[in-house]
Amino acid sequence: MVPYILAGAVIGSVVGHLIPPGYFFWFVVGSVSGYLAQRYFGARF
């Protein structure tokens, strides 16, 4: 679970560097997306 959340957070930070509203917002969005991706792929495979 942690690798998915960390990967999402890193991607969110990179996106936050380029797109407003900023780092923290995209960091949170990336972390939540990583968690949801783990839940989805964990249930399917």
C-alpha atoms as a PDB file:
ATOM      1  CA  MET A   1       0.000   0.000   0.000  1.00  0.00           C
ATOM      2  CA  VAL A   2       2.759   2.436   0.907  1.00  0.00           C
ATOM      3  CA  PRO A   3       4.504   2.312  -2.508  1.00  0.00           C
ATOM      4  CA  TYR A   4       1.276   3.286  -4.264  1.00  0.00           C
ATOM      5  CA  ILE A   5       0.669   6.191  -1.886  1.00  0.00           C
ATOM      6  CA  LEU A   6       4.280   7.383  -2.187  1.00  0.00           C
ATOM      7  CA  ALA A   7       4.202   7.123  -5.977  1.00  0.00           C
ATOM      8  CA  GLY A   8       0.963   9.110  -6.057  1.00  0.00           C
ATOM      9  CA  ALA A   9       2.427  11.716  -3.722  1.00  0.00           C
ATOM     10  CA  VAL A  10       5.541  12.111  -5.890  1.00  0.00           C
ATOM     11  CA  ILE A  11       3.471  12.456  -9.049  1.00  0.00           C
ATOM     12  CA  GLY A  12       1.210  14.940  -7.257  1.00  0.00           C
ATOM     13  CA  SER A  13       4.217  16.997  -6.187  1.00  0.00           C
ATOM     14  CA  VAL A  14       5.543  17.117  -9.746  1.00  0.00           C
ATOM     15  CA  VAL A  15       2.137  18.147 -11.078  1.00  0.00           C
ATOM     16  CA  GLY A  16       1.836  20.721  -8.291  1.00  0.00           C
ATOM     17  CA  HIS A  17       5.070  22.298  -9.474  1.00  0.00           C
ATOM     18  CA  LEU A  18       3.487  22.906 -12.880  1.00  0.00           C
ATOM     19  CA  ILE A  19      -0.239  23.436 -12.271  1.00  0.00           C
ATOM     20  CA  PRO A  20      -1.982  25.671  -9.711  1.00  0.00           C
ATOM     21  CA  PRO A  21      -3.269  25.557  -6.908  1.00  0.00           C
ATOM     22  CA  GLY A  22       0.087  24.272  -5.697  1.00  0.00           C
ATOM     23  CA  TYR A  23       2.105  21.513  -4.140  1.00  0.00           C
ATOM     24  CA  PHE A  24       0.013  20.620  -1.104  1.00  0.00           C
ATOM     25  CA  PHE A  25      -3.265  20.234  -3.010  1.00  0.00           C
ATOM     26  CA  TRP A  26      -1.733  17.995  -5.663  1.00  0.00           C
ATOM     27  CA  PHE A  27       0.270  16.089  -3.033  1.00  0.00           C
ATOM     28  CA  VAL A  28      -2.985  15.209  -1.260  1.00  0.00           C
ATOM     29  CA  VAL A  29      -4.755  14.373  -4.523  1.00  0.00           C
ATOM     30  CA  GLY A  30      -1.840  12.151  -5.562  1.00  0.00           C
ATOM     31  CA  SER A  31      -1.762  10.380  -2.201  1.00  0.00           C
ATOM     32  CA  VAL A  32      -5.491   9.681  -2.273  1.00  0.00           C
ATOM     33  CA  SER A  33      -5.252   8.531  -5.898  1.00  0.00           C
ATOM     34  CA  GLY A  34      -2.423   6.166  -4.998  1.00  0.00           C
ATOM     35  CA  TYR A  35      -4.484   4.714  -2.160  1.00  0.00           C
ATOM     36  CA  LEU A  36      -7.507   4.237  -4.427  1.00  0.00           C
ATOM     37  CA  ALA A  37      -5.347   2.654  -7.147  1.00  0.00           C
ATOM     38  CA  GLN A  38      -3.990   0.172  -4.613  1.00  0.00           C
ATOM     39  CA  ARG A  39      -7.505  -0.703  -3.465  1.00  0.00           C
ATOM     40  CA  TYR A  40      -8.662  -1.153  -7.081  1.00  0.00           C
ATOM     41  CA  PHE A  41      -5.719  -3.263  -8.235  1.00  0.00           C
ATOM     42  CA  GLY A  42      -5.646  -5.214  -4.980  1.00  0.00           C
ATOM     43  CA  ALA A  43      -9.264  -6.244  -5.462  1.00  0.00           C
ATOM     44  CA  ARG A  44      -8.869  -7.154  -9.140  1.00  0.00           C
ATOM     45  CA  PHE A  45      -5.604  -9.106  -9.041  1.00  0.00           C
END
